[in-house]
Amino acid sequence: MSVPQISRSQAFFRVVVTYVAALSAGAIVFFAGPDSEPLLRLLLADVVATFVVYGASVGASNTSFYDAYWSVVPPLLLVLAWSLPDAQTADPTRQWLLLGALSYWGVRLTWNWARGWTGFDHEDWRYVDFRRKLPAPLFEVVNLAGLHLFPTLIVFLAMTGGVFAWRSPEAAGPLALVGAGVIVAATTLQLVADNALRQFRLEKKSRDDILSTGVWSWSRHPNYFGEICVWWGVWLVGLDGGAPAWTVAGPVAMTLMFRTVSIPLIERRMAARRSGWAAHVARTPMLLPLPGR
């Protein structure tokens, strides 16, 4: 389906209006179920909002409509959870540590998306590959289940420890500080990595050029390493607030997703497009940063 070309500012306006509508729909669902289990209410709100964004992405024939959802929603879920009775009597120190650290992460990641997104003329190369390889009906199944609902669900799972911490009346302990510190440090690593990558793309002279300086000489994927650490930081804050053991499934699932899906996809792409990639792999760790190697 062809979509009339619109300017970048018009595209941004359309995204903002859609996200406001999606978050409003989610909030309505959340407040409509006051007798339900809090996690279930938050999950339903998250899923309903995702369906609104999915509808808009189909209308725009551009799945990158969803890209900012990953970073916009987690801090807002915490704000929504403030209306829960036990959240209002919970320890405020832990709440502000988590909200402050996660907001720093969300603002950074959203800004990085916004400054690099040129409008509906751009769609993530992975989505483009799916569109090209799959028949339209099958692509829409993958689009809804794999490219919209799956990331919503995995981020929500990674947030569960933080939601328990958000509602805990116990005084914040050392783990809350450590967890918030991990989130801030990991986000700062991502900020440095993304700025270096943006500058590299603006200055590179050859298609074969590979970014291998600064934090990108420590790891082939420092931005992904930072993202994984953010969710382990959220879980540590949750652990401080008495989150049940099963919430560790969130950061574990996030780690596995990046390690088994996201990184292999981009590694295969780089190997096919960069003649010096094998040499870069030989001298640079894949994920865990090793400064000075």
Protein backbone atom coordinates (compact mmCIF):
# COMPACT_ATOMS: atom_id res chain seq x y z
CA MET A 1 0.00 0.00 0.00
CA SER A 2 1.49 3.33 -1.03
CA VAL A 3 1.43 6.23 1.40
CA PRO A 4 1.62 9.88 0.29
CA GLN A 5 5.01 11.38 1.11
CA ILE A 6 4.91 13.94 3.91
CA SER A 7 7.58 16.12 5.48
CA ARG A 8 9.68 15.07 8.45
CA SER A 9 7.90 17.53 10.74
CA GLN A 10 4.51 16.22 9.61
CA ALA A 11 5.68 12.65 10.22
CA PHE A 12 6.84 13.55 13.73
CA PHE A 13 3.53 15.23 14.44
CA ARG A 14 1.70 12.11 13.30
CA VAL A 15 3.87 9.93 15.56
CA VAL A 16 3.29 12.21 18.56
CA VAL A 17 -0.49 12.26 18.02
CA THR A 18 -0.52 8.47 17.68
CA TYR A 19 1.51 7.96 20.85
CA VAL A 20 -0.74 10.33 22.80
CA ALA A 21 -3.78 8.38 21.56
CA ALA A 22 -2.10 5.05 22.36
CA LEU A 23 -1.10 6.07 25.87
CA SER A 24 -4.55 7.52 26.50
CA ALA A 25 -6.18 4.26 25.42
CA GLY A 26 -3.82 2.35 27.69
CA ALA A 27 -4.60 4.62 30.64
CA ILE A 28 -8.35 4.14 30.11
CA VAL A 29 -7.90 0.36 30.21
CA PHE A 30 -5.71 0.65 33.31
CA PHE A 31 -8.20 2.73 35.29
CA ALA A 32 -11.12 0.60 34.10
CA GLY A 33 -9.84 -2.41 36.05
CA PRO A 34 -9.17 -1.18 39.60
CA ASP A 35 -9.98 -4.57 41.13
CA SER A 36 -7.56 -6.48 38.92
CA GLU A 37 -4.03 -7.52 39.81
CA PRO A 38 -1.78 -4.45 39.28
CA LEU A 39 0.68 -6.21 36.96
CA LEU A 40 -2.20 -7.45 34.81
CA ARG A 41 -3.70 -3.95 34.61
CA LEU A 42 -0.37 -2.49 33.53
CA LEU A 43 0.17 -5.27 31.00
CA LEU A 44 -3.27 -4.80 29.43
CA ALA A 45 -2.68 -1.05 29.21
CA ASP A 46 0.68 -1.69 27.53
CA VAL A 47 -0.79 -4.16 25.02
CA VAL A 48 -3.75 -1.92 24.13
CA ALA A 49 -1.38 1.00 23.51
CA THR A 50 0.76 -1.29 21.32
CA PHE A 51 -2.27 -2.20 19.19
CA VAL A 52 -2.96 1.51 18.60
CA VAL A 53 0.63 2.06 17.46
CA TYR A 54 0.44 -1.08 15.30
CA GLY A 55 -2.66 0.28 13.55
CA ALA A 56 -0.85 3.53 12.82
CA SER A 57 2.23 1.70 11.52
CA VAL A 58 0.05 -0.31 9.13
CA GLY A 59 -1.60 2.91 7.95
CA ALA A 60 1.82 4.42 7.29
CA SER A 61 3.25 1.18 5.81
CA ASN A 62 6.19 1.76 8.12
CA THR A 63 6.93 -0.47 11.12
CA SER A 64 9.51 2.02 12.42
CA PHE A 65 6.45 3.91 13.68
CA TYR A 66 6.86 1.60 16.71
CA ASP A 67 10.59 2.19 17.30
CA ALA A 68 10.22 4.94 19.92
CA TYR A 69 7.69 2.88 21.91
CA TRP A 70 10.53 0.84 23.42
CA SER A 71 11.94 3.88 25.23
CA VAL A 72 8.84 6.04 25.78
CA VAL A 73 6.61 3.60 27.66
CA PRO A 74 8.67 2.13 30.58
CA PRO A 75 8.99 5.39 32.59
CA LEU A 76 5.35 6.20 31.86
CA LEU A 77 4.26 2.80 33.19
CA LEU A 78 5.86 3.74 36.49
CA VAL A 79 4.06 7.08 36.49
CA LEU A 80 0.80 5.25 35.81
CA ALA A 81 1.55 2.82 38.65
CA TRP A 82 1.77 5.77 41.04
CA SER A 83 -2.03 5.61 41.28
CA LEU A 84 -1.88 2.15 42.88
CA PRO A 85 -2.73 2.28 46.60
CA ASP A 86 0.42 0.45 47.69
CA ALA A 87 2.59 2.67 45.46
CA GLN A 88 1.33 5.73 47.29
CA THR A 89 2.59 4.33 50.61
CA ALA A 90 5.81 2.85 49.18
CA ASP A 91 9.31 4.12 49.89
CA PRO A 92 9.75 7.33 47.82
CA THR A 93 13.55 7.13 47.73
CA ARG A 94 13.50 3.88 45.76
CA GLN A 95 10.75 5.23 43.50
CA TRP A 96 12.69 8.38 42.63
CA LEU A 97 15.93 6.46 42.12
CA LEU A 98 14.23 4.12 39.65
CA LEU A 99 12.17 6.78 37.89
CA GLY A 100 15.13 9.17 37.59
CA ALA A 101 17.51 6.54 36.22
CA LEU A 102 14.95 5.04 33.85
CA SER A 103 13.87 8.49 32.62
CA TYR A 104 17.51 9.29 31.79
CA TRP A 105 17.62 6.07 29.76
CA GLY A 106 14.28 6.80 28.06
CA VAL A 107 15.11 10.39 27.12
CA ARG A 108 18.50 9.39 25.72
CA LEU A 109 17.15 6.53 23.64
CA THR A 110 14.16 8.50 22.37
CA TRP A 111 16.38 11.45 21.43
CA ASN A 112 18.77 9.15 19.59
CA TRP A 113 15.84 7.78 17.59
CA ALA A 114 14.38 11.22 16.91
CA ARG A 115 17.56 12.83 15.61
CA GLY A 116 18.25 9.92 13.26
CA TRP A 117 14.71 9.33 11.97
CA THR A 118 14.10 11.17 8.72
CA GLY A 119 10.37 10.43 8.50
CA PHE A 120 8.28 7.85 6.70
CA ASP A 121 10.88 7.63 3.93
CA HIS A 122 12.95 5.56 6.40
CA GLU A 123 12.23 2.12 7.80
CA ASP A 124 14.60 -0.10 9.76
CA TRP A 125 16.48 -2.43 7.39
CA ARG A 126 15.28 -5.50 9.32
CA TYR A 127 11.66 -4.59 8.72
CA VAL A 128 12.40 -3.91 5.06
CA ASP A 129 13.92 -7.40 4.76
CA PHE A 130 10.81 -8.96 6.28
CA ARG A 131 8.55 -7.02 3.88
CA ARG A 132 10.62 -8.11 0.90
CA LYS A 133 10.90 -11.78 1.82
CA LEU A 134 7.40 -12.50 3.16
CA PRO A 135 4.03 -12.43 1.40
CA ALA A 136 1.86 -9.57 2.66
CA PRO A 137 -0.52 -11.64 4.88
CA LEU A 138 2.37 -13.46 6.55
CA PHE A 139 4.31 -10.23 6.99
CA GLU A 140 1.39 -8.71 8.91
CA VAL A 141 1.39 -11.70 11.28
CA VAL A 142 5.12 -11.20 11.87
CA ASN A 143 4.62 -7.43 12.06
CA LEU A 144 2.01 -7.65 14.80
CA ALA A 145 3.35 -10.61 16.79
CA GLY A 146 7.09 -10.28 16.28
CA LEU A 147 7.78 -6.61 15.64
CA HIS A 148 5.18 -5.00 17.91
CA LEU A 149 3.85 -7.35 20.60
CA PHE A 150 7.06 -9.29 21.25
CA PRO A 151 9.19 -6.24 22.14
CA THR A 152 6.31 -4.84 24.21
CA LEU A 153 6.08 -8.08 26.17
CA ILE A 154 9.81 -8.55 26.68
CA VAL A 155 10.25 -4.98 27.92
CA PHE A 156 7.27 -5.41 30.23
CA LEU A 157 8.77 -8.63 31.60
CA ALA A 158 12.03 -6.78 32.22
CA MET A 159 10.05 -4.05 34.01
CA THR A 160 8.29 -6.38 36.46
CA GLY A 161 11.03 -6.26 39.08
CA GLY A 162 10.90 -2.48 38.96
CA VAL A 163 7.11 -2.49 39.40
CA PHE A 164 7.45 -4.59 42.56
CA ALA A 165 10.10 -2.16 43.83
CA TRP A 166 7.77 0.72 43.01
CA ARG A 167 5.19 -0.69 45.43
CA SER A 168 7.53 -1.76 48.25
CA PRO A 169 7.18 -0.01 51.64
CA GLU A 170 10.62 -1.17 52.77
CA ALA A 171 13.29 1.53 53.04
CA ALA A 172 15.65 1.67 50.06
CA GLY A 173 18.87 -0.26 50.64
CA PRO A 174 22.26 -0.48 48.94
CA LEU A 175 20.95 -2.59 46.05
CA ALA A 176 18.62 0.23 45.00
CA LEU A 177 21.60 2.57 44.72
CA VAL A 178 23.65 -0.05 42.89
CA GLY A 179 20.81 -0.80 40.47
CA ALA A 180 20.16 2.87 39.73
CA GLY A 181 23.91 3.38 39.29
CA VAL A 182 24.08 0.50 36.80
CA ILE A 183 21.21 2.05 34.78
CA VAL A 184 22.90 5.46 34.71
CA ALA A 185 26.35 4.06 33.85
CA ALA A 186 24.95 1.79 31.12
CA THR A 187 22.91 4.65 29.65
CA THR A 188 25.99 6.87 29.61
CA LEU A 189 27.91 4.15 27.77
CA GLN A 190 25.09 4.04 25.21
CA LEU A 191 25.15 7.82 24.90
CA VAL A 192 28.90 7.84 24.19
CA ALA A 193 28.57 4.92 21.75
CA ASP A 194 25.64 6.45 19.85
CA ASN A 195 27.31 9.86 19.54
CA ALA A 196 30.49 8.24 18.22
CA LEU A 197 28.48 6.15 15.74
CA ARG A 198 26.54 9.18 14.52
CA GLN A 199 29.75 11.16 13.98
CA PHE A 200 31.36 8.20 12.21
CA ARG A 201 28.44 7.90 9.79
CA LEU A 202 28.64 11.60 8.99
CA GLU A 203 32.39 11.46 8.32
CA LYS A 204 33.09 8.00 6.86
CA LYS A 205 34.58 8.05 3.39
CA SER A 206 34.21 4.44 2.29
CA ARG A 207 31.43 1.87 2.49
CA ASP A 208 34.00 -0.52 3.96
CA ASP A 209 34.91 1.73 6.87
CA ILE A 210 34.31 0.17 10.30
CA LEU A 211 34.02 2.12 13.54
CA SER A 212 36.78 0.74 15.76
CA THR A 213 37.81 3.62 18.00
CA GLY A 214 36.79 4.70 21.50
CA VAL A 215 34.20 2.45 23.13
CA TRP A 216 33.74 0.74 19.75
CA SER A 217 37.27 -0.63 20.11
CA TRP A 218 36.24 -2.20 23.43
CA SER A 219 33.24 -4.08 22.01
CA ARG A 220 31.59 -4.64 18.65
CA HIS A 221 28.24 -3.78 20.26
CA PRO A 222 28.73 -1.41 23.22
CA ASN A 223 25.23 0.03 22.72
CA TYR A 224 23.65 -3.42 23.05
CA PHE A 225 25.80 -4.19 26.09
CA GLY A 226 24.55 -0.97 27.67
CA GLU A 227 20.93 -1.87 26.90
CA ILE A 228 21.29 -5.27 28.53
CA CYS A 229 22.86 -3.71 31.63
CA VAL A 230 20.00 -1.21 31.97
CA TRP A 231 17.53 -4.04 32.50
CA TRP A 232 19.78 -5.83 34.96
CA GLY A 233 19.93 -2.52 36.84
CA VAL A 234 16.12 -2.34 36.93
CA TRP A 235 16.04 -5.86 38.29
CA LEU A 236 18.56 -4.99 41.04
CA VAL A 237 16.33 -2.14 42.16
CA GLY A 238 13.46 -4.61 42.17
CA LEU A 239 15.48 -7.08 44.21
CA ASP A 240 16.08 -4.34 46.76
CA GLY A 241 12.31 -3.88 46.95
CA GLY A 242 11.59 -7.55 47.54
CA ALA A 243 10.65 -8.52 43.97
CA PRO A 244 9.99 -12.29 43.66
CA ALA A 245 12.70 -14.52 42.19
CA TRP A 246 10.82 -15.11 38.94
CA THR A 247 11.33 -11.47 37.88
CA VAL A 248 14.93 -12.35 36.95
CA ALA A 249 13.34 -13.85 33.82
CA GLY A 250 13.07 -10.28 32.49
CA PRO A 251 16.76 -9.36 32.22
CA VAL A 252 17.61 -12.95 31.28
CA ALA A 253 15.14 -12.83 28.37
CA MET A 254 16.49 -9.43 27.34
CA THR A 255 20.06 -10.76 27.36
CA LEU A 256 19.08 -13.81 25.31
CA MET A 257 17.19 -11.69 22.79
CA PHE A 258 20.19 -9.48 22.08
CA ARG A 259 22.64 -12.38 22.17
CA THR A 260 20.68 -14.79 19.96
CA VAL A 261 18.62 -12.50 17.69
CA SER A 262 19.71 -8.86 17.46
CA ILE A 263 23.49 -9.36 17.46
CA PRO A 264 23.57 -12.32 15.02
CA LEU A 265 21.36 -10.37 12.58
CA ILE A 266 23.63 -7.35 12.48
CA GLU A 267 26.79 -9.47 12.52
CA ARG A 268 25.67 -11.33 9.39
CA ARG A 269 24.80 -8.04 7.72
CA MET A 270 28.17 -6.51 8.56
CA ALA A 271 30.06 -9.63 7.40
CA ALA A 272 28.30 -9.41 4.04
CA ARG A 273 28.83 -5.64 3.62
CA ARG A 274 32.27 -4.92 5.14
CA SER A 275 35.37 -6.60 3.73
CA GLY A 276 37.36 -5.95 6.91
CA TRP A 277 34.73 -7.31 9.28
CA ALA A 278 36.51 -10.63 9.91
CA ALA A 279 39.65 -8.81 11.04
CA HIS A 280 37.54 -6.54 13.25
CA VAL A 281 35.90 -9.61 14.82
CA ALA A 282 39.31 -11.14 15.49
CA ARG A 283 40.55 -8.15 17.49
CA THR A 284 37.35 -6.83 19.13
CA PRO A 285 35.17 -8.62 21.71
CA MET A 286 31.60 -9.17 20.60
CA LEU A 287 29.69 -7.86 23.61
CA LEU A 288 31.57 -7.48 26.91
CA PRO A 289 33.67 -4.30 26.66
CA LEU A 290 37.41 -4.84 27.27
CA PRO A 291 39.12 -1.42 27.34
CA GLY A 292 42.73 -1.41 26.22
CA ARG A 293 42.56 -4.71 24.38
